[in-house]
Amino acid sequence: WHLCSVCEKAAHFLCYTCTYSLCKGCIRQSDFLCVRANKGLCVNCMRLVMLIENKDANKEN
């Protein structure tokens, strides 16, 4: 059972890496990347993932 991080209604979309979650109404006004069905990454976690990916890509070159 999760609550929306914006309006505290029942959440439908969940972030994989943190407790951020959104209801169907708030997802329209938020930046949230859906990866699989109703799970994805919030803006903060997406930035962290991109930093890690870019760091690993730079090591390979």
PDB file of N, CA and C in Angstrom:
ATOM      1  N   TRP A   1       0.843  -1.177   0.000  1.00  0.00           N
ATOM      2  CA  TRP A   1       0.000   0.000   0.000  1.00  0.00           C
ATOM      3  C   TRP A   1       0.884   1.236   0.000  1.00  0.00           C
ATOM      4  N   HIS A   2       0.778   2.049  -1.046  1.00  0.00           N
ATOM      5  CA  HIS A   2       1.576   3.266  -1.175  1.00  0.00           C
ATOM      6  C   HIS A   2       0.648   4.456  -1.357  1.00  0.00           C
ATOM      7  N   LEU A   3       1.088   5.604  -0.873  1.00  0.00           N
ATOM      8  CA  LEU A   3       0.340   6.843  -1.047  1.00  0.00           C
ATOM      9  C   LEU A   3       1.070   7.750  -2.023  1.00  0.00           C
ATOM     10  N   CYS A   4       0.302   8.521  -2.769  1.00  0.00           N
ATOM     11  CA  CYS A   4       0.868   9.482  -3.713  1.00  0.00           C
ATOM     12  C   CYS A   4       1.716  10.497  -2.951  1.00  0.00           C
ATOM     13  N   SER A   5       2.905  10.772  -3.461  1.00  0.00           N
ATOM     14  CA  SER A   5       3.815  11.724  -2.815  1.00  0.00           C
ATOM     15  C   SER A   5       3.336  13.162  -2.946  1.00  0.00           C
ATOM     16  N   VAL A   6       2.392  13.422  -3.850  1.00  0.00           N
ATOM     17  CA  VAL A   6       1.894  14.781  -4.068  1.00  0.00           C
ATOM     18  C   VAL A   6       0.601  15.026  -3.295  1.00  0.00           C
ATOM     19  N   CYS A   7      -0.414  14.183  -3.531  1.00  0.00           N
ATOM     20  CA  CYS A   7      -1.737  14.444  -2.946  1.00  0.00           C
ATOM     21  C   CYS A   7      -2.156  13.436  -1.874  1.00  0.00           C
ATOM     22  N   GLU A   8      -1.367  12.404  -1.656  1.00  0.00           N
ATOM     23  CA  GLU A   8      -1.601  11.375  -0.639  1.00  0.00           C
ATOM     24  C   GLU A   8      -2.811  10.481  -0.904  1.00  0.00           C
ATOM     25  N   LYS A   9      -3.257  10.398  -2.163  1.00  0.00           N
ATOM     26  CA  LYS A   9      -4.276   9.414  -2.543  1.00  0.00           C
ATOM     27  C   LYS A   9      -3.566   8.086  -2.804  1.00  0.00           C
ATOM     28  N   ALA A  10      -4.322   7.059  -3.124  1.00  0.00           N
ATOM     29  CA  ALA A  10      -3.719   5.756  -3.419  1.00  0.00           C
ATOM     30  C   ALA A  10      -2.825   5.869  -4.653  1.00  0.00           C
ATOM     31  N   ALA A  11      -1.598   5.410  -4.539  1.00  0.00           N
ATOM     32  CA  ALA A  11      -0.624   5.530  -5.630  1.00  0.00           C
ATOM     33  C   ALA A  11      -0.766   4.382  -6.617  1.00  0.00           C
ATOM     34  N   HIS A  12      -0.500   4.688  -7.879  1.00  0.00           N
ATOM     35  CA  HIS A  12      -0.532   3.680  -8.934  1.00  0.00           C
ATOM     36  C   HIS A  12       0.846   3.505  -9.577  1.00  0.00           C
ATOM     37  N   PHE A  13       1.652   4.558  -9.601  1.00  0.00           N
ATOM     38  CA  PHE A  13       2.982   4.534 -10.208  1.00  0.00           C
ATOM     39  C   PHE A  13       4.045   4.621  -9.118  1.00  0.00           C
ATOM     40  N   LEU A  14       5.024   3.719  -9.150  1.00  0.00           N
ATOM     41  CA  LEU A  14       6.034   3.623  -8.095  1.00  0.00           C
ATOM     42  C   LEU A  14       7.433   3.742  -8.679  1.00  0.00           C
ATOM     43  N   CYS A  15       8.305   4.450  -7.967  1.00  0.00           N
ATOM     44  CA  CYS A  15       9.707   4.542  -8.353  1.00  0.00           C
ATOM     45  C   CYS A  15      10.420   3.270  -7.901  1.00  0.00           C
ATOM     46  N   TYR A  16      11.295   2.743  -8.762  1.00  0.00           N
ATOM     47  CA  TYR A  16      12.052   1.530  -8.434  1.00  0.00           C
ATOM     48  C   TYR A  16      13.017   1.724  -7.275  1.00  0.00           C
ATOM     49  N   THR A  17      13.630   2.908  -7.166  1.00  0.00           N
ATOM     50  CA  THR A  17      14.756   3.054  -6.245  1.00  0.00           C
ATOM     51  C   THR A  17      14.479   3.876  -4.992  1.00  0.00           C
ATOM     52  N   CYS A  18      13.353   4.537  -4.910  1.00  0.00           N
ATOM     53  CA  CYS A  18      13.036   5.309  -3.703  1.00  0.00           C
ATOM     54  C   CYS A  18      11.556   5.161  -3.374  1.00  0.00           C
ATOM     55  N   THR A  19      11.087   5.912  -2.427  1.00  0.00           N
ATOM     56  CA  THR A  19       9.695   5.793  -1.973  1.00  0.00           C
ATOM     57  C   THR A  19       8.738   6.711  -2.723  1.00  0.00           C
ATOM     58  N   TYR A  20       9.214   7.419  -3.746  1.00  0.00           N
ATOM     59  CA  TYR A  20       8.367   8.334  -4.516  1.00  0.00           C
ATOM     60  C   TYR A  20       7.307   7.541  -5.271  1.00  0.00           C
ATOM     61  N   SER A  21       6.059   7.991  -5.189  1.00  0.00           N
ATOM     62  CA  SER A  21       4.964   7.331  -5.888  1.00  0.00           C
ATOM     63  C   SER A  21       3.923   8.370  -6.284  1.00  0.00           C
ATOM     64  N   LEU A  22       3.134   8.043  -7.299  1.00  0.00           N
ATOM     65  CA  LEU A  22       2.144   8.977  -7.831  1.00  0.00           C
ATOM     66  C   LEU A  22       0.827   8.271  -8.109  1.00  0.00           C
ATOM     67  N   CYS A  23      -0.267   9.014  -7.966  1.00  0.00           N
ATOM     68  CA  CYS A  23      -1.574   8.500  -8.349  1.00  0.00           C
ATOM     69  C   CYS A  23      -1.779   8.776  -9.840  1.00  0.00           C
ATOM     70  N   LYS A  24      -2.864   8.277 -10.395  1.00  0.00           N
ATOM     71  CA  LYS A  24      -3.129   8.458 -11.823  1.00  0.00           C
ATOM     72  C   LYS A  24      -3.355   9.921 -12.182  1.00  0.00           C
ATOM     73  N   GLY A  25      -3.853  10.720 -11.265  1.00  0.00           N
ATOM     74  CA  GLY A  25      -4.089  12.138 -11.532  1.00  0.00           C
ATOM     75  C   GLY A  25      -2.818  12.965 -11.510  1.00  0.00           C
ATOM     76  N   CYS A  26      -1.944  12.686 -10.572  1.00  0.00           N
ATOM     77  CA  CYS A  26      -0.712  13.476 -10.415  1.00  0.00           C
ATOM     78  C   CYS A  26       0.376  13.108 -11.416  1.00  0.00           C
ATOM     79  N   ILE A  27       0.284  11.938 -12.038  1.00  0.00           N
ATOM     80  CA  ILE A  27       1.312  11.520 -12.995  1.00  0.00           C
ATOM     81  C   ILE A  27       1.362  12.479 -14.180  1.00  0.00           C
ATOM     82  N   ARG A  28       0.252  13.110 -14.494  1.00  0.00           N
ATOM     83  CA  ARG A  28       0.189  14.026 -15.645  1.00  0.00           C
ATOM     84  C   ARG A  28       0.990  15.300 -15.426  1.00  0.00           C
ATOM     85  N   GLN A  29       1.126  15.739 -14.186  1.00  0.00           N
ATOM     86  CA  GLN A  29       1.858  16.973 -13.897  1.00  0.00           C
ATOM     87  C   GLN A  29       3.288  16.720 -13.435  1.00  0.00           C
ATOM     88  N   SER A  30       3.711  15.481 -13.381  1.00  0.00           N
ATOM     89  CA  SER A  30       5.033  15.164 -12.837  1.00  0.00           C
ATOM     90  C   SER A  30       5.950  14.586 -13.903  1.00  0.00           C
ATOM     91  N   ASP A  31       7.248  14.706 -13.653  1.00  0.00           N
ATOM     92  CA  ASP A  31       8.245  14.071 -14.506  1.00  0.00           C
ATOM     93  C   ASP A  31       8.534  12.698 -13.924  1.00  0.00           C
ATOM     94  N   PHE A  32       8.093  11.677 -14.625  1.00  0.00           N
ATOM     95  CA  PHE A  32       8.264  10.302 -14.170  1.00  0.00           C
ATOM     96  C   PHE A  32       8.459   9.432 -15.399  1.00  0.00           C
ATOM     97  N   LEU A  33       9.516   8.662 -15.427  1.00  0.00           N
ATOM     98  CA  LEU A  33       9.812   7.800 -16.564  1.00  0.00           C
ATOM     99  C   LEU A  33       9.330   6.388 -16.268  1.00  0.00           C
ATOM    100  N   CYS A  34       8.269   5.959 -16.946  1.00  0.00           N
ATOM    101  CA  CYS A  34       7.770   4.594 -16.763  1.00  0.00           C
ATOM    102  C   CYS A  34       8.699   3.631 -17.487  1.00  0.00           C
ATOM    103  N   VAL A  35       9.140   2.606 -16.785  1.00  0.00           N
ATOM    104  CA  VAL A  35      10.038   1.611 -17.358  1.00  0.00           C
ATOM    105  C   VAL A  35       9.264   0.339 -17.671  1.00  0.00           C
ATOM    106  N   ARG A  36       8.484  -0.121 -16.714  1.00  0.00           N
ATOM    107  CA  ARG A  36       7.679  -1.315 -16.886  1.00  0.00           C
ATOM    108  C   ARG A  36       6.332  -1.130 -16.221  1.00  0.00           C
ATOM    109  N   ALA A  37       5.291  -1.191 -17.014  1.00  0.00           N
ATOM    110  CA  ALA A  37       3.921  -1.049 -16.500  1.00  0.00           C
ATOM    111  C   ALA A  37       3.802   0.180 -15.600  1.00  0.00           C
ATOM    112  N   ASN A  38       3.609  -0.010 -14.305  1.00  0.00           N
ATOM    113  CA  ASN A  38       3.409   1.118 -13.387  1.00  0.00           C
ATOM    114  C   ASN A  38       4.650   1.417 -12.546  1.00  0.00           C
ATOM    115  N   LYS A  39       5.788   0.872 -12.921  1.00  0.00           N
ATOM    116  CA  LYS A  39       7.030   1.122 -12.180  1.00  0.00           C
ATOM    117  C   LYS A  39       8.017   1.851 -13.072  1.00  0.00           C
ATOM    118  N   GLY A  40       8.778   2.751 -12.463  1.00  0.00           N
ATOM    119  CA  GLY A  40       9.735   3.524 -13.244  1.00  0.00           C
ATOM    120  C   GLY A  40      10.697   4.277 -12.358  1.00  0.00           C
ATOM    121  N   LEU A  41      11.109   5.460 -12.824  1.00  0.00           N
ATOM    122  CA  LEU A  41      12.081   6.270 -12.099  1.00  0.00           C
ATOM    123  C   LEU A  41      11.586   7.704 -11.980  1.00  0.00           C
ATOM    124  N   CYS A  42      11.718   8.261 -10.786  1.00  0.00           N
ATOM    125  CA  CYS A  42      11.406   9.672 -10.583  1.00  0.00           C
ATOM    126  C   CYS A  42      12.574  10.505 -11.116  1.00  0.00           C
ATOM    127  N   VAL A  43      12.432  11.807 -11.147  1.00  0.00           N
ATOM    128  CA  VAL A  43      13.455  12.697 -11.698  1.00  0.00           C
ATOM    129  C   VAL A  43      14.779  12.544 -10.956  1.00  0.00           C
ATOM    130  N   ASN A  44      14.745  12.532  -9.641  1.00  0.00           N
ATOM    131  CA  ASN A  44      15.984  12.440  -8.860  1.00  0.00           C
ATOM    132  C   ASN A  44      16.708  11.119  -9.097  1.00  0.00           C
ATOM    133  N   CYS A  45      15.980  10.041  -9.120  1.00  0.00           N
ATOM    134  CA  CYS A  45      16.609   8.735  -9.346  1.00  0.00           C
ATOM    135  C   CYS A  45      17.095   8.604 -10.783  1.00  0.00           C
ATOM    136  N   MET A  46      16.370   9.193 -11.730  1.00  0.00           N
ATOM    137  CA  MET A  46      16.806   9.154 -13.122  1.00  0.00           C
ATOM    138  C   MET A  46      18.130   9.894 -13.289  1.00  0.00           C
ATOM    139  N   ARG A  47      18.289  11.029 -12.623  1.00  0.00           N
ATOM    140  CA  ARG A  47      19.557  11.771 -12.669  1.00  0.00           C
ATOM    141  C   ARG A  47      20.697  10.921 -12.113  1.00  0.00           C
ATOM    142  N   LEU A  48      20.444  10.244 -11.015  1.00  0.00           N
ATOM    143  CA  LEU A  48      21.463   9.390 -10.407  1.00  0.00           C
ATOM    144  C   LEU A  48      21.848   8.245 -11.348  1.00  0.00           C
ATOM    145  N   VAL A  49      20.869   7.619 -11.959  1.00  0.00           N
ATOM    146  CA  VAL A  49      21.135   6.533 -12.906  1.00  0.00           C
ATOM    147  C   VAL A  49      21.955   7.045 -14.086  1.00  0.00           C
ATOM    148  N   MET A  50      21.613   8.228 -14.601  1.00  0.00           N
ATOM    149  CA  MET A  50      22.353   8.794 -15.732  1.00  0.00           C
ATOM    150  C   MET A  50      23.799   9.108 -15.343  1.00  0.00           C
ATOM    151  N   LEU A  51      24.020   9.614 -14.137  1.00  0.00           N
ATOM    152  CA  LEU A  51      25.385   9.877 -13.671  1.00  0.00           C
ATOM    153  C   LEU A  51      26.202   8.588 -13.615  1.00  0.00           C
ATOM    154  N   ILE A  52      25.610   7.537 -13.099  1.00  0.00           N
ATOM    155  CA  ILE A  52      26.302   6.249 -13.005  1.00  0.00           C
ATOM    156  C   ILE A  52      26.594   5.698 -14.395  1.00  0.00           C
ATOM    157  N   GLU A  53      25.610   5.762 -15.285  1.00  0.00           N
ATOM    158  CA  GLU A  53      25.800   5.259 -16.646  1.00  0.00           C
ATOM    159  C   GLU A  53      26.894   6.036 -17.376  1.00  0.00           C
ATOM    160  N   ASN A  54      26.882   7.353 -17.249  1.00  0.00           N
ATOM    161  CA  ASN A  54      27.892   8.176 -17.920  1.00  0.00           C
ATOM    162  C   ASN A  54      29.282   7.917 -17.354  1.00  0.00           C
ATOM    163  N   LYS A  55      29.370   7.698 -16.055  1.00  0.00           N
ATOM    164  CA  LYS A  55      30.659   7.402 -15.426  1.00  0.00           C
ATOM    165  C   LYS A  55      31.215   6.090 -15.969  1.00  0.00           C
ATOM    166  N   ASP A  56      30.358   5.074 -16.072  1.00  0.00           N
ATOM    167  CA  ASP A  56      30.780   3.776 -16.597  1.00  0.00           C
ATOM    168  C   ASP A  56      31.161   3.868 -18.074  1.00  0.00           C
ATOM    169  N   ALA A  57      30.441   4.665 -18.845  1.00  0.00           N
ATOM    170  CA  ALA A  57      30.746   4.831 -20.268  1.00  0.00           C
ATOM    171  C   ALA A  57      32.090   5.525 -20.452  1.00  0.00           C
ATOM    172  N   ASN A  58      32.402   6.484 -19.600  1.00  0.00           N
ATOM    173  CA  ASN A  58      33.682   7.194 -19.691  1.00  0.00           C
ATOM    174  C   ASN A  58      34.855   6.287 -19.331  1.00  0.00           C
ATOM    175  N   LYS A  59      34.646   5.328 -18.441  1.00  0.00           N
ATOM    176  CA  LYS A  59      35.705   4.390 -18.067  1.00  0.00           C
ATOM    177  C   LYS A  59      36.072   3.476 -19.235  1.00  0.00           C
ATOM    178  N   GLU A  60      35.078   3.118 -20.049  1.00  0.00           N
ATOM    179  CA  GLU A  60      35.301   2.211 -21.174  1.00  0.00           C
ATOM    180  C   GLU A  60      36.119   2.871 -22.279  1.00  0.00           C
ATOM    181  N   ASN A  61      36.058   4.175 -22.414  1.00  0.00           N
ATOM    182  CA  ASN A  61      36.779   4.882 -23.487  1.00  0.00           C
ATOM    183  C   ASN A  61      38.164   5.131 -23.118  1.00  0.00           C
TER     184      ASN A  61
END
